Amino acid sequence: FAVVNDVTYAYRHNHKSPVSSIGDS
């Protein structure tokens, strides 16, 4: 596959709620 040396995507993080408890469905 071809690649470019530019940054082309910004992935937003630190904005979602924590993972729910392991016991739920």
mmCIF file of all heavy atoms, coordinates in Angstrom:
data_MODEL
# 
_entry.id   MODEL 
# 
loop_
_atom_site.group_PDB 
_atom_site.id 
_atom_site.type_symbol 
_atom_site.label_atom_id 
_atom_site.label_alt_id 
_atom_site.label_comp_id 
_atom_site.label_asym_id 
_atom_site.label_entity_id 
_atom_site.label_seq_id 
_atom_site.pdbx_PDB_ins_code 
_atom_site.Cartn_x 
_atom_site.Cartn_y 
_atom_site.Cartn_z 
_atom_site.occupancy 
_atom_site.B_iso_or_equiv 
_atom_site.pdbx_formal_charge 
_atom_site.auth_seq_id 
_atom_site.auth_comp_id 
_atom_site.auth_asym_id 
_atom_site.auth_atom_id 
_atom_site.pdbx_PDB_model_num 
ATOM 1   N N   . PHE A 1 1  ? 0.839   -1.187 0.000  1.00 0.00 ? 1  PHE A N   1 
ATOM 2   C CA  . PHE A 1 1  ? 0.000   0.000  0.000  1.00 0.00 ? 1  PHE A CA  1 
ATOM 3   C C   . PHE A 1 1  ? 0.879   1.244  0.000  1.00 0.00 ? 1  PHE A C   1 
ATOM 4   O O   . PHE A 1 1  ? 2.048   1.201  0.425  1.00 0.00 ? 1  PHE A O   1 
ATOM 5   C CB  . PHE A 1 1  ? -0.965  0.015  1.193  1.00 0.00 ? 1  PHE A CB  1 
ATOM 6   C CG  . PHE A 1 1  ? -0.312  -0.107 2.544  1.00 0.00 ? 1  PHE A CG  1 
ATOM 7   C CD1 . PHE A 1 1  ? -0.033  1.020  3.301  1.00 0.00 ? 1  PHE A CD1 1 
ATOM 8   C CD2 . PHE A 1 1  ? 0.005   -1.358 3.073  1.00 0.00 ? 1  PHE A CD2 1 
ATOM 9   C CE1 . PHE A 1 1  ? 0.564   0.914  4.558  1.00 0.00 ? 1  PHE A CE1 1 
ATOM 10  C CE2 . PHE A 1 1  ? 0.598   -1.475 4.330  1.00 0.00 ? 1  PHE A CE2 1 
ATOM 11  C CZ  . PHE A 1 1  ? 0.877   -0.334 5.068  1.00 0.00 ? 1  PHE A CZ  1 
ATOM 12  N N   . ALA A 1 2  ? 0.344   2.335  -0.520 1.00 0.00 ? 2  ALA A N   1 
ATOM 13  C CA  . ALA A 1 2  ? 1.063   3.600  -0.546 1.00 0.00 ? 2  ALA A CA  1 
ATOM 14  C C   . ALA A 1 2  ? 1.006   4.268  0.823  1.00 0.00 ? 2  ALA A C   1 
ATOM 15  O O   . ALA A 1 2  ? 0.034   4.076  1.571  1.00 0.00 ? 2  ALA A O   1 
ATOM 16  C CB  . ALA A 1 2  ? 0.472   4.519  -1.616 1.00 0.00 ? 2  ALA A CB  1 
ATOM 17  N N   . VAL A 1 3  ? 2.013   5.055  1.147  1.00 0.00 ? 3  VAL A N   1 
ATOM 18  C CA  . VAL A 1 3  ? 2.014   5.821  2.393  1.00 0.00 ? 3  VAL A CA  1 
ATOM 19  C C   . VAL A 1 3  ? 2.504   7.235  2.115  1.00 0.00 ? 3  VAL A C   1 
ATOM 20  O O   . VAL A 1 3  ? 3.262   7.476  1.176  1.00 0.00 ? 3  VAL A O   1 
ATOM 21  C CB  . VAL A 1 3  ? 2.900   5.173  3.487  1.00 0.00 ? 3  VAL A CB  1 
ATOM 22  C CG1 . VAL A 1 3  ? 2.407   3.789  3.831  1.00 0.00 ? 3  VAL A CG1 1 
ATOM 23  C CG2 . VAL A 1 3  ? 4.355   5.124  3.056  1.00 0.00 ? 3  VAL A CG2 1 
ATOM 24  N N   . VAL A 1 4  ? 2.038   8.167  2.934  1.00 0.00 ? 4  VAL A N   1 
ATOM 25  C CA  . VAL A 1 4  ? 2.511   9.552  2.877  1.00 0.00 ? 4  VAL A CA  1 
ATOM 26  C C   . VAL A 1 4  ? 3.064   9.928  4.240  1.00 0.00 ? 4  VAL A C   1 
ATOM 27  O O   . VAL A 1 4  ? 2.649   9.385  5.272  1.00 0.00 ? 4  VAL A O   1 
ATOM 28  C CB  . VAL A 1 4  ? 1.381   10.524 2.474  1.00 0.00 ? 4  VAL A CB  1 
ATOM 29  C CG1 . VAL A 1 4  ? 0.834   10.178 1.096  1.00 0.00 ? 4  VAL A CG1 1 
ATOM 30  C CG2 . VAL A 1 4  ? 0.245   10.531 3.493  1.00 0.00 ? 4  VAL A CG2 1 
ATOM 31  N N   . ASN A 1 5  ? 4.015   10.854 4.243  1.00 0.00 ? 5  ASN A N   1 
ATOM 32  C CA  . ASN A 1 5  ? 4.647   11.222 5.515  1.00 0.00 ? 5  ASN A CA  1 
ATOM 33  C C   . ASN A 1 5  ? 3.919   12.350 6.229  1.00 0.00 ? 5  ASN A C   1 
ATOM 34  O O   . ASN A 1 5  ? 4.436   12.908 7.196  1.00 0.00 ? 5  ASN A O   1 
ATOM 35  C CB  . ASN A 1 5  ? 6.122   11.581 5.305  1.00 0.00 ? 5  ASN A CB  1 
ATOM 36  C CG  . ASN A 1 5  ? 6.311   12.774 4.383  1.00 0.00 ? 5  ASN A CG  1 
ATOM 37  O OD1 . ASN A 1 5  ? 5.348   13.328 3.858  1.00 0.00 ? 5  ASN A OD1 1 
ATOM 38  N ND2 . ASN A 1 5  ? 7.563   13.167 4.164  1.00 0.00 ? 5  ASN A ND2 1 
ATOM 39  N N   . ASP A 1 6  ? 2.717   12.688 5.765  1.00 0.00 ? 6  ASP A N   1 
ATOM 40  C CA  . ASP A 1 6  ? 1.908   13.707 6.434  1.00 0.00 ? 6  ASP A CA  1 
ATOM 41  C C   . ASP A 1 6  ? 1.014   13.047 7.491  1.00 0.00 ? 6  ASP A C   1 
ATOM 42  O O   . ASP A 1 6  ? 0.585   11.906 7.325  1.00 0.00 ? 6  ASP A O   1 
ATOM 43  C CB  . ASP A 1 6  ? 1.003   14.425 5.431  1.00 0.00 ? 6  ASP A CB  1 
ATOM 44  C CG  . ASP A 1 6  ? 1.795   15.036 4.294  1.00 0.00 ? 6  ASP A CG  1 
ATOM 45  O OD1 . ASP A 1 6  ? 2.572   15.955 4.550  1.00 0.00 ? 6  ASP A OD1 1 
ATOM 46  O OD2 . ASP A 1 6  ? 1.634   14.567 3.152  1.00 0.00 ? 6  ASP A OD2 1 
ATOM 47  N N   . VAL A 1 7  ? 0.709   13.799 8.539  1.00 0.00 ? 7  VAL A N   1 
ATOM 48  C CA  . VAL A 1 7  ? -0.310  13.381 9.498  1.00 0.00 ? 7  VAL A CA  1 
ATOM 49  C C   . VAL A 1 7  ? -1.669  13.701 8.891  1.00 0.00 ? 7  VAL A C   1 
ATOM 50  O O   . VAL A 1 7  ? -1.956  14.847 8.551  1.00 0.00 ? 7  VAL A O   1 
ATOM 51  C CB  . VAL A 1 7  ? -0.136  14.095 10.847 1.00 0.00 ? 7  VAL A CB  1 
ATOM 52  C CG1 . VAL A 1 7  ? -1.323  13.798 11.766 1.00 0.00 ? 7  VAL A CG1 1 
ATOM 53  C CG2 . VAL A 1 7  ? 1.165   13.668 11.511 1.00 0.00 ? 7  VAL A CG2 1 
ATOM 54  N N   . THR A 1 8  ? -2.507  12.690 8.727  1.00 0.00 ? 8  THR A N   1 
ATOM 55  C CA  . THR A 1 8  ? -3.781  12.870 8.024  1.00 0.00 ? 8  THR A CA  1 
ATOM 56  C C   . THR A 1 8  ? -5.000  12.517 8.872  1.00 0.00 ? 8  THR A C   1 
ATOM 57  O O   . THR A 1 8  ? -6.127  12.574 8.378  1.00 0.00 ? 8  THR A O   1 
ATOM 58  C CB  . THR A 1 8  ? -3.813  12.023 6.742  1.00 0.00 ? 8  THR A CB  1 
ATOM 59  O OG1 . THR A 1 8  ? -3.663  10.636 7.083  1.00 0.00 ? 8  THR A OG1 1 
ATOM 60  C CG2 . THR A 1 8  ? -2.710  12.432 5.775  1.00 0.00 ? 8  THR A CG2 1 
ATOM 61  N N   . TYR A 1 9  ? -4.794  12.169 10.138 1.00 0.00 ? 9  TYR A N   1 
ATOM 62  C CA  . TYR A 1 9  ? -5.942  11.799 10.973 1.00 0.00 ? 9  TYR A CA  1 
ATOM 63  C C   . TYR A 1 9  ? -5.639  12.121 12.427 1.00 0.00 ? 9  TYR A C   1 
ATOM 64  O O   . TYR A 1 9  ? -4.542  11.817 12.929 1.00 0.00 ? 9  TYR A O   1 
ATOM 65  C CB  . TYR A 1 9  ? -6.254  10.306 10.828 1.00 0.00 ? 9  TYR A CB  1 
ATOM 66  C CG  . TYR A 1 9  ? -7.618  9.909  11.358 1.00 0.00 ? 9  TYR A CG  1 
ATOM 67  C CD1 . TYR A 1 9  ? -8.745  9.969  10.556 1.00 0.00 ? 9  TYR A CD1 1 
ATOM 68  C CD2 . TYR A 1 9  ? -7.777  9.470  12.667 1.00 0.00 ? 9  TYR A CD2 1 
ATOM 69  C CE1 . TYR A 1 9  ? -9.995  9.605  11.021 1.00 0.00 ? 9  TYR A CE1 1 
ATOM 70  C CE2 . TYR A 1 9  ? -9.025  9.108  13.158 1.00 0.00 ? 9  TYR A CE2 1 
ATOM 71  C CZ  . TYR A 1 9  ? -10.130 9.174  12.328 1.00 0.00 ? 9  TYR A CZ  1 
ATOM 72  O OH  . TYR A 1 9  ? -11.378 8.820  12.798 1.00 0.00 ? 9  TYR A OH  1 
ATOM 73  N N   . ALA A 1 10 ? -6.601  12.719 13.107 1.00 0.00 ? 10 ALA A N   1 
ATOM 74  C CA  . ALA A 1 10 ? -6.469  13.033 14.534 1.00 0.00 ? 10 ALA A CA  1 
ATOM 75  C C   . ALA A 1 10 ? -7.462  12.189 15.321 1.00 0.00 ? 10 ALA A C   1 
ATOM 76  O O   . ALA A 1 10 ? -8.677  12.297 15.109 1.00 0.00 ? 10 ALA A O   1 
ATOM 77  C CB  . ALA A 1 10 ? -6.718  14.516 14.780 1.00 0.00 ? 10 ALA A CB  1 
ATOM 78  N N   . TYR A 1 11 ? -6.938  11.371 16.213 1.00 0.00 ? 11 TYR A N   1 
ATOM 79  C CA  . TYR A 1 11 ? -7.747  10.463 17.027 1.00 0.00 ? 11 TYR A CA  1 
ATOM 80  C C   . TYR A 1 11 ? -7.933  11.086 18.402 1.00 0.00 ? 11 TYR A C   1 
ATOM 81  O O   . TYR A 1 11 ? -6.978  11.260 19.157 1.00 0.00 ? 11 TYR A O   1 
ATOM 82  C CB  . TYR A 1 11 ? -7.053  9.105  17.128 1.00 0.00 ? 11 TYR A CB  1 
ATOM 83  C CG  . TYR A 1 11 ? -7.818  8.062  17.904 1.00 0.00 ? 11 TYR A CG  1 
ATOM 84  C CD1 . TYR A 1 11 ? -8.680  7.186  17.259 1.00 0.00 ? 11 TYR A CD1 1 
ATOM 85  C CD2 . TYR A 1 11 ? -7.653  7.939  19.290 1.00 0.00 ? 11 TYR A CD2 1 
ATOM 86  C CE1 . TYR A 1 11 ? -9.383  6.219  17.965 1.00 0.00 ? 11 TYR A CE1 1 
ATOM 87  C CE2 . TYR A 1 11 ? -8.352  6.982  20.005 1.00 0.00 ? 11 TYR A CE2 1 
ATOM 88  C CZ  . TYR A 1 11 ? -9.205  6.127  19.344 1.00 0.00 ? 11 TYR A CZ  1 
ATOM 89  O OH  . TYR A 1 11 ? -9.909  5.167  20.052 1.00 0.00 ? 11 TYR A OH  1 
ATOM 90  N N   . ARG A 1 12 ? -9.183  11.423 18.710 1.00 0.00 ? 12 ARG A N   1 
ATOM 91  C CA  . ARG A 1 12 ? -9.487  12.079 19.984 1.00 0.00 ? 12 ARG A CA  1 
ATOM 92  C C   . ARG A 1 12 ? -9.570  11.037 21.109 1.00 0.00 ? 12 ARG A C   1 
ATOM 93  O O   . ARG A 1 12 ? -10.210 9.994  20.956 1.00 0.00 ? 12 ARG A O   1 
ATOM 94  C CB  . ARG A 1 12 ? -10.823 12.817 19.880 1.00 0.00 ? 12 ARG A CB  1 
ATOM 95  C CG  . ARG A 1 12 ? -11.136 13.721 21.056 1.00 0.00 ? 12 ARG A CG  1 
ATOM 96  C CD  . ARG A 1 12 ? -12.565 14.239 20.979 1.00 0.00 ? 12 ARG A CD  1 
ATOM 97  N NE  . ARG A 1 12 ? -12.834 14.971 19.763 1.00 0.00 ? 12 ARG A NE  1 
ATOM 98  C CZ  . ARG A 1 12 ? -12.758 16.296 19.651 1.00 0.00 ? 12 ARG A CZ  1 
ATOM 99  N NH1 . ARG A 1 12 ? -12.411 17.019 20.703 1.00 0.00 ? 12 ARG A NH1 1 
ATOM 100 N NH2 . ARG A 1 12 ? -13.042 16.889 18.502 1.00 0.00 ? 12 ARG A NH2 1 
ATOM 101 N N   . HIS A 1 13 ? -8.911  11.314 22.239 1.00 0.00 ? 13 HIS A N   1 
ATOM 102 C CA  . HIS A 1 13 ? -9.028  10.418 23.393 1.00 0.00 ? 13 HIS A CA  1 
ATOM 103 C C   . HIS A 1 13 ? -9.128  11.242 24.676 1.00 0.00 ? 13 HIS A C   1 
ATOM 104 O O   . HIS A 1 13 ? -9.097  12.464 24.649 1.00 0.00 ? 13 HIS A O   1 
ATOM 105 C CB  . HIS A 1 13 ? -7.844  9.432  23.446 1.00 0.00 ? 13 HIS A CB  1 
ATOM 106 C CG  . HIS A 1 13 ? -6.526  10.044 23.825 1.00 0.00 ? 13 HIS A CG  1 
ATOM 107 N ND1 . HIS A 1 13 ? -5.824  9.678  24.945 1.00 0.00 ? 13 HIS A ND1 1 
ATOM 108 C CD2 . HIS A 1 13 ? -5.788  10.998 23.220 1.00 0.00 ? 13 HIS A CD2 1 
ATOM 109 C CE1 . HIS A 1 13 ? -4.702  10.378 25.018 1.00 0.00 ? 13 HIS A CE1 1 
ATOM 110 N NE2 . HIS A 1 13 ? -4.644  11.181 23.992 1.00 0.00 ? 13 HIS A NE2 1 
ATOM 111 N N   . ASN A 1 14 ? -9.304  10.535 25.787 1.00 0.00 ? 14 ASN A N   1 
ATOM 112 C CA  . ASN A 1 14 ? -9.540  11.159 27.095 1.00 0.00 ? 14 ASN A CA  1 
ATOM 113 C C   . ASN A 1 14 ? -10.840 11.962 27.114 1.00 0.00 ? 14 ASN A C   1 
ATOM 114 O O   . ASN A 1 14 ? -10.921 13.023 27.744 1.00 0.00 ? 14 ASN A O   1 
ATOM 115 C CB  . ASN A 1 14 ? -8.368  12.072 27.501 1.00 0.00 ? 14 ASN A CB  1 
ATOM 116 C CG  . ASN A 1 14 ? -7.229  11.291 28.120 1.00 0.00 ? 14 ASN A CG  1 
ATOM 117 O OD1 . ASN A 1 14 ? -7.376  10.117 28.439 1.00 0.00 ? 14 ASN A OD1 1 
ATOM 118 N ND2 . ASN A 1 14 ? -6.084  11.937 28.266 1.00 0.00 ? 14 ASN A ND2 1 
ATOM 119 N N   . HIS A 1 15 ? -11.860 11.434 26.432 1.00 0.00 ? 15 HIS A N   1 
ATOM 120 C CA  . HIS A 1 15 ? -13.145 12.135 26.441 1.00 0.00 ? 15 HIS A CA  1 
ATOM 121 C C   . HIS A 1 15 ? -14.312 11.192 26.684 1.00 0.00 ? 15 HIS A C   1 
ATOM 122 O O   . HIS A 1 15 ? -15.443 11.647 26.809 1.00 0.00 ? 15 HIS A O   1 
ATOM 123 C CB  . HIS A 1 15 ? -13.363 12.843 25.095 1.00 0.00 ? 15 HIS A CB  1 
ATOM 124 C CG  . HIS A 1 15 ? -13.481 11.917 23.928 1.00 0.00 ? 15 HIS A CG  1 
ATOM 125 N ND1 . HIS A 1 15 ? -12.427 11.157 23.482 1.00 0.00 ? 15 HIS A ND1 1 
ATOM 126 C CD2 . HIS A 1 15 ? -14.525 11.613 23.110 1.00 0.00 ? 15 HIS A CD2 1 
ATOM 127 C CE1 . HIS A 1 15 ? -12.812 10.438 22.444 1.00 0.00 ? 15 HIS A CE1 1 
ATOM 128 N NE2 . HIS A 1 15 ? -14.079 10.687 22.204 1.00 0.00 ? 15 HIS A NE2 1 
ATOM 129 N N   . LYS A 1 16 ? -14.046 9.891  26.793 1.00 0.00 ? 16 LYS A N   1 
ATOM 130 C CA  . LYS A 1 16 ? -15.121 8.927  26.991 1.00 0.00 ? 16 LYS A CA  1 
ATOM 131 C C   . LYS A 1 16 ? -15.182 8.502  28.446 1.00 0.00 ? 16 LYS A C   1 
ATOM 132 O O   . LYS A 1 16 ? -14.182 8.560  29.174 1.00 0.00 ? 16 LYS A O   1 
ATOM 133 C CB  . LYS A 1 16 ? -14.917 7.703  26.093 1.00 0.00 ? 16 LYS A CB  1 
ATOM 134 C CG  . LYS A 1 16 ? -14.976 8.032  24.609 1.00 0.00 ? 16 LYS A CG  1 
ATOM 135 C CD  . LYS A 1 16 ? -14.755 6.798  23.767 1.00 0.00 ? 16 LYS A CD  1 
ATOM 136 C CE  . LYS A 1 16 ? -14.813 7.128  22.277 1.00 0.00 ? 16 LYS A CE  1 
ATOM 137 N NZ  . LYS A 1 16 ? -14.564 5.947  21.420 1.00 0.00 ? 16 LYS A NZ  1 
ATOM 138 N N   . SER A 1 17 ? -16.355 8.027  28.859 1.00 0.00 ? 17 SER A N   1 
ATOM 139 C CA  . SER A 1 17 ? -16.524 7.564  30.238 1.00 0.00 ? 17 SER A CA  1 
ATOM 140 C C   . SER A 1 17 ? -15.773 6.262  30.437 1.00 0.00 ? 17 SER A C   1 
ATOM 141 O O   . SER A 1 17 ? -15.544 5.515  29.488 1.00 0.00 ? 17 SER A O   1 
ATOM 142 C CB  . SER A 1 17 ? -18.003 7.360  30.550 1.00 0.00 ? 17 SER A CB  1 
ATOM 143 O OG  . SER A 1 17 ? -18.566 6.404  29.669 1.00 0.00 ? 17 SER A OG  1 
ATOM 144 N N   . PRO A 1 18 ? -15.369 5.954  31.678 1.00 0.00 ? 18 PRO A N   1 
ATOM 145 C CA  . PRO A 1 18 ? -14.655 4.715  31.940 1.00 0.00 ? 18 PRO A CA  1 
ATOM 146 C C   . PRO A 1 18 ? -15.475 3.490  31.557 1.00 0.00 ? 18 PRO A C   1 
ATOM 147 O O   . PRO A 1 18 ? -16.700 3.534  31.487 1.00 0.00 ? 18 PRO A O   1 
ATOM 148 C CB  . PRO A 1 18 ? -14.422 4.755  33.463 1.00 0.00 ? 18 PRO A CB  1 
ATOM 149 C CG  . PRO A 1 18 ? -14.563 6.188  33.833 1.00 0.00 ? 18 PRO A CG  1 
ATOM 150 C CD  . PRO A 1 18 ? -15.556 6.775  32.885 1.00 0.00 ? 18 PRO A CD  1 
ATOM 151 N N   . VAL A 1 19 ? -14.754 2.396  31.303 1.00 0.00 ? 19 VAL A N   1 
ATOM 152 C CA  . VAL A 1 19 ? -15.426 1.139  30.972 1.00 0.00 ? 19 VAL A CA  1 
ATOM 153 C C   . VAL A 1 19 ? -16.330 0.713  32.116 1.00 0.00 ? 19 VAL A C   1 
ATOM 154 O O   . VAL A 1 19 ? -15.978 0.831  33.290 1.00 0.00 ? 19 VAL A O   1 
ATOM 155 C CB  . VAL A 1 19 ? -14.380 0.037  30.691 1.00 0.00 ? 19 VAL A CB  1 
ATOM 156 C CG1 . VAL A 1 19 ? -15.073 -1.302 30.431 1.00 0.00 ? 19 VAL A CG1 1 
ATOM 157 C CG2 . VAL A 1 19 ? -13.505 0.430  29.519 1.00 0.00 ? 19 VAL A CG2 1 
ATOM 158 N N   . SER A 1 20 ? -17.521 0.257  31.780 1.00 0.00 ? 20 SER A N   1 
ATOM 159 C CA  . SER A 1 20 ? -18.458 -0.178 32.814 1.00 0.00 ? 20 SER A CA  1 
ATOM 160 C C   . SER A 1 20 ? -17.940 -1.427 33.521 1.00 0.00 ? 20 SER A C   1 
ATOM 161 O O   . SER A 1 20 ? -17.013 -2.074 33.071 1.00 0.00 ? 20 SER A O   1 
ATOM 162 C CB  . SER A 1 20 ? -19.821 -0.466 32.181 1.00 0.00 ? 20 SER A CB  1 
ATOM 163 O OG  . SER A 1 20 ? -19.683 -1.427 31.159 1.00 0.00 ? 20 SER A OG  1 
ATOM 164 N N   . SER A 1 21 ? -18.578 -1.791 34.631 1.00 0.00 ? 21 SER A N   1 
ATOM 165 C CA  . SER A 1 21 ? -18.087 -2.903 35.433 1.00 0.00 ? 21 SER A CA  1 
ATOM 166 C C   . SER A 1 21 ? -18.165 -4.200 34.663 1.00 0.00 ? 21 SER A C   1 
ATOM 167 O O   . SER A 1 21 ? -18.966 -4.371 33.751 1.00 0.00 ? 21 SER A O   1 
ATOM 168 C CB  . SER A 1 21 ? -18.914 -3.025 36.715 1.00 0.00 ? 21 SER A CB  1 
ATOM 169 O OG  . SER A 1 21 ? -20.176 -3.562 36.414 1.00 0.00 ? 21 SER A OG  1 
ATOM 170 N N   . ILE A 1 22 ? -17.300 -5.127 35.041 1.00 0.00 ? 22 ILE A N   1 
ATOM 171 C CA  . ILE A 1 22 ? -17.190 -6.372 34.302 1.00 0.00 ? 22 ILE A CA  1 
ATOM 172 C C   . ILE A 1 22 ? -18.442 -7.223 34.396 1.00 0.00 ? 22 ILE A C   1 
ATOM 173 O O   . ILE A 1 22 ? -18.676 -8.089 33.558 1.00 0.00 ? 22 ILE A O   1 
ATOM 174 C CB  . ILE A 1 22 ? -15.960 -7.173 34.805 1.00 0.00 ? 22 ILE A CB  1 
ATOM 175 C CG1 . ILE A 1 22 ? -15.627 -8.310 33.834 1.00 0.00 ? 22 ILE A CG1 1 
ATOM 176 C CG2 . ILE A 1 22 ? -16.190 -7.722 36.188 1.00 0.00 ? 22 ILE A CG2 1 
ATOM 177 C CD1 . ILE A 1 22 ? -14.312 -8.949 34.112 1.00 0.00 ? 22 ILE A CD1 1 
ATOM 178 N N   . GLY A 1 23 ? -19.276 -6.962 35.357 1.00 0.00 ? 23 GLY A N   1 
ATOM 179 C CA  . GLY A 1 23 ? -20.413 -7.844 35.560 1.00 0.00 ? 23 GLY A CA  1 
ATOM 180 C C   . GLY A 1 23 ? -21.615 -7.585 34.680 1.00 0.00 ? 23 GLY A C   1 
ATOM 181 O O   . GLY A 1 23 ? -22.517 -8.401 34.654 1.00 0.00 ? 23 GLY A O   1 
ATOM 182 N N   . ASP A 1 24 ? -21.683 -6.483 33.949 1.00 0.00 ? 24 ASP A N   1 
ATOM 183 C CA  . ASP A 1 24 ? -22.900 -6.214 33.196 1.00 0.00 ? 24 ASP A CA  1 
ATOM 184 C C   . ASP A 1 24 ? -22.899 -6.930 31.853 1.00 0.00 ? 24 ASP A C   1 
ATOM 185 O O   . ASP A 1 24 ? -21.882 -7.404 31.374 1.00 0.00 ? 24 ASP A O   1 
ATOM 186 C CB  . ASP A 1 24 ? -23.145 -4.707 33.046 1.00 0.00 ? 24 ASP A CB  1 
ATOM 187 C CG  . ASP A 1 24 ? -22.101 -4.007 32.198 1.00 0.00 ? 24 ASP A CG  1 
ATOM 188 O OD1 . ASP A 1 24 ? -21.619 -4.610 31.225 1.00 0.00 ? 24 ASP A OD1 1 
ATOM 189 O OD2 . ASP A 1 24 ? -21.781 -2.851 32.509 1.00 0.00 ? 24 ASP A OD2 1 
ATOM 190 N N   . SER A 1 25 ? -24.087 -6.996 31.240 1.00 0.00 ? 25 SER A N   1 
ATOM 191 C CA  . SER A 1 25 ? -24.254 -7.800 30.026 1.00 0.00 ? 25 SER A CA  1 
ATOM 192 C C   . SER A 1 25 ? -23.492 -7.208 28.857 1.00 0.00 ? 25 SER A C   1 
ATOM 193 O O   . SER A 1 25 ? -22.979 -7.940 28.012 1.00 0.00 ? 25 SER A O   1 
ATOM 194 C CB  . SER A 1 25 ? -25.739 -7.911 29.676 1.00 0.00 ? 25 SER A CB  1 
ATOM 195 O OG  . SER A 1 25 ? -26.301 -6.618 29.462 1.00 0.00 ? 25 SER A OG  1 
# 
